[in-house]
Amino acid sequence: MNLNGRTLTRRMRSDLAEKDSRPDMPDKNPESPEMLLAEFVDVAETKGQGWVEYLCPKPGENQLSLKDT
């Protein structure tokens, strides 16, 4: 992903690669969704590096899992 929130490549979902910027895409947390891509860009721009926690199901599952990226 670049700093505009544009996905450049996706291993599991190649249909989403090279799509338009989606910085307003929320994670799957039904109680308090976070703007996931905007958070990635914010960490990169303000800290240069870091981790973002979010909820997302593992491939092939429906139950949400905590992930760090």
C-alpha atoms as a PDB file:
ATOM      1  CA  MET A   1       0.000   0.000   0.000  1.00  0.00           C
ATOM      2  CA  ASN A   2       1.213   3.475  -0.703  1.00  0.00           C
ATOM      3  CA  LEU A   3       0.711   6.599   1.441  1.00  0.00           C
ATOM      4  CA  ASN A   4      -2.509   7.438  -0.426  1.00  0.00           C
ATOM      5  CA  GLY A   5      -4.088   4.222   0.867  1.00  0.00           C
ATOM      6  CA  ARG A   6      -3.953   2.534  -2.537  1.00  0.00           C
ATOM      7  CA  THR A   7      -3.450  -1.219  -2.378  1.00  0.00           C
ATOM      8  CA  LEU A   8      -0.595  -2.194  -4.670  1.00  0.00           C
ATOM      9  CA  THR A   9      -0.686  -5.975  -4.174  1.00  0.00           C
ATOM     10  CA  ARG A  10      -2.636  -8.572  -2.201  1.00  0.00           C
ATOM     11  CA  ARG A  11      -1.573 -12.182  -1.909  1.00  0.00           C
ATOM     12  CA  MET A  12      -4.949 -13.576  -0.767  1.00  0.00           C
ATOM     13  CA  ARG A  13      -7.229 -11.236  -2.786  1.00  0.00           C
ATOM     14  CA  SER A  14      -5.561 -10.356  -6.070  1.00  0.00           C
ATOM     15  CA  ASP A  15      -8.895  -8.879  -7.249  1.00  0.00           C
ATOM     16  CA  LEU A  16      -8.298  -5.984  -4.811  1.00  0.00           C
ATOM     17  CA  ALA A  17      -4.796  -5.179  -6.027  1.00  0.00           C
ATOM     18  CA  GLU A  18      -4.274  -1.953  -7.965  1.00  0.00           C
ATOM     19  CA  LYS A  19      -7.698  -0.586  -6.991  1.00  0.00           C
ATOM     20  CA  ASP A  20      -8.447   3.029  -6.185  1.00  0.00           C
ATOM     21  CA  SER A  21      -7.570   4.467  -2.791  1.00  0.00           C
ATOM     22  CA  ARG A  22      -9.836   3.214   0.022  1.00  0.00           C
ATOM     23  CA  PRO A  23      -8.625   5.010   3.173  1.00  0.00           C
ATOM     24  CA  ASP A  24     -12.136   4.897   4.658  1.00  0.00           C
ATOM     25  CA  MET A  25     -12.340   1.077   4.661  1.00  0.00           C
ATOM     26  CA  PRO A  26     -13.225  -0.057   8.210  1.00  0.00           C
ATOM     27  CA  ASP A  27     -12.058  -3.239   9.908  1.00  0.00           C
ATOM     28  CA  LYS A  28     -14.651  -5.890  10.835  1.00  0.00           C
ATOM     29  CA  ASN A  29     -15.136  -4.822  14.478  1.00  0.00           C
ATOM     30  CA  PRO A  30     -18.936  -4.428  14.813  1.00  0.00           C
ATOM     31  CA  GLU A  31     -18.704  -2.463  18.091  1.00  0.00           C
ATOM     32  CA  SER A  32     -16.089   0.111  17.146  1.00  0.00           C
ATOM     33  CA  PRO A  33     -14.862  -0.138  13.544  1.00  0.00           C
ATOM     34  CA  GLU A  34     -11.495   1.480  12.851  1.00  0.00           C
ATOM     35  CA  MET A  35     -10.549   3.033   9.519  1.00  0.00           C
ATOM     36  CA  LEU A  36      -7.883   0.457   8.848  1.00  0.00           C
ATOM     37  CA  LEU A  37      -6.030   1.839   5.828  1.00  0.00           C
ATOM     38  CA  ALA A  38      -6.116   5.387   7.197  1.00  0.00           C
ATOM     39  CA  GLU A  39      -4.549   4.036  10.405  1.00  0.00           C
ATOM     40  CA  PHE A  40      -1.778   2.302   8.400  1.00  0.00           C
ATOM     41  CA  VAL A  41      -0.999   5.538   6.552  1.00  0.00           C
ATOM     42  CA  ASP A  42      -1.083   7.578   9.776  1.00  0.00           C
ATOM     43  CA  VAL A  43       1.420   5.271  11.495  1.00  0.00           C
ATOM     44  CA  ALA A  44       3.719   5.341   8.452  1.00  0.00           C
ATOM     45  CA  GLU A  45       3.604   9.130   8.107  1.00  0.00           C
ATOM     46  CA  THR A  46       3.876  10.042  11.806  1.00  0.00           C
ATOM     47  CA  LYS A  47       6.187   7.314  13.111  1.00  0.00           C
ATOM     48  CA  GLY A  48       7.867   5.941  10.007  1.00  0.00           C
ATOM     49  CA  GLN A  49       7.131   2.410  11.224  1.00  0.00           C
ATOM     50  CA  GLY A  50       4.923   0.613  13.700  1.00  0.00           C
ATOM     51  CA  TRP A  51       2.054  -1.781  14.248  1.00  0.00           C
ATOM     52  CA  VAL A  52      -1.722  -1.485  13.853  1.00  0.00           C
ATOM     53  CA  GLU A  53      -4.109  -3.861  15.659  1.00  0.00           C
ATOM     54  CA  TYR A  54      -7.421  -4.735  14.001  1.00  0.00           C
ATOM     55  CA  LEU A  55     -10.099  -7.433  13.840  1.00  0.00           C
ATOM     56  CA  CYS A  56     -10.507  -9.600  10.778  1.00  0.00           C
ATOM     57  CA  PRO A  57     -11.507 -13.240  10.206  1.00  0.00           C
ATOM     58  CA  LYS A  58      -8.786 -15.667   9.202  1.00  0.00           C
ATOM     59  CA  PRO A  59      -9.110 -17.023   5.643  1.00  0.00           C
ATOM     60  CA  GLY A  60     -11.938 -19.565   5.529  1.00  0.00           C
ATOM     61  CA  GLU A  61     -13.300 -18.596   8.972  1.00  0.00           C
ATOM     62  CA  ASN A  62     -16.118 -16.349  10.162  1.00  0.00           C
ATOM     63  CA  GLN A  63     -14.913 -15.677  13.724  1.00  0.00           C
ATOM     64  CA  LEU A  64     -13.002 -12.409  14.148  1.00  0.00           C
ATOM     65  CA  SER A  65      -9.367 -12.645  15.203  1.00  0.00           C
ATOM     66  CA  LEU A  66      -7.071  -9.926  16.497  1.00  0.00           C
ATOM     67  CA  LYS A  67      -4.333  -9.189  13.970  1.00  0.00           C
ATOM     68  CA  ASP A  68      -1.264  -6.964  13.981  1.00  0.00           C
ATOM     69  CA  THR A  69       0.109  -5.453  10.799  1.00  0.00           C
END
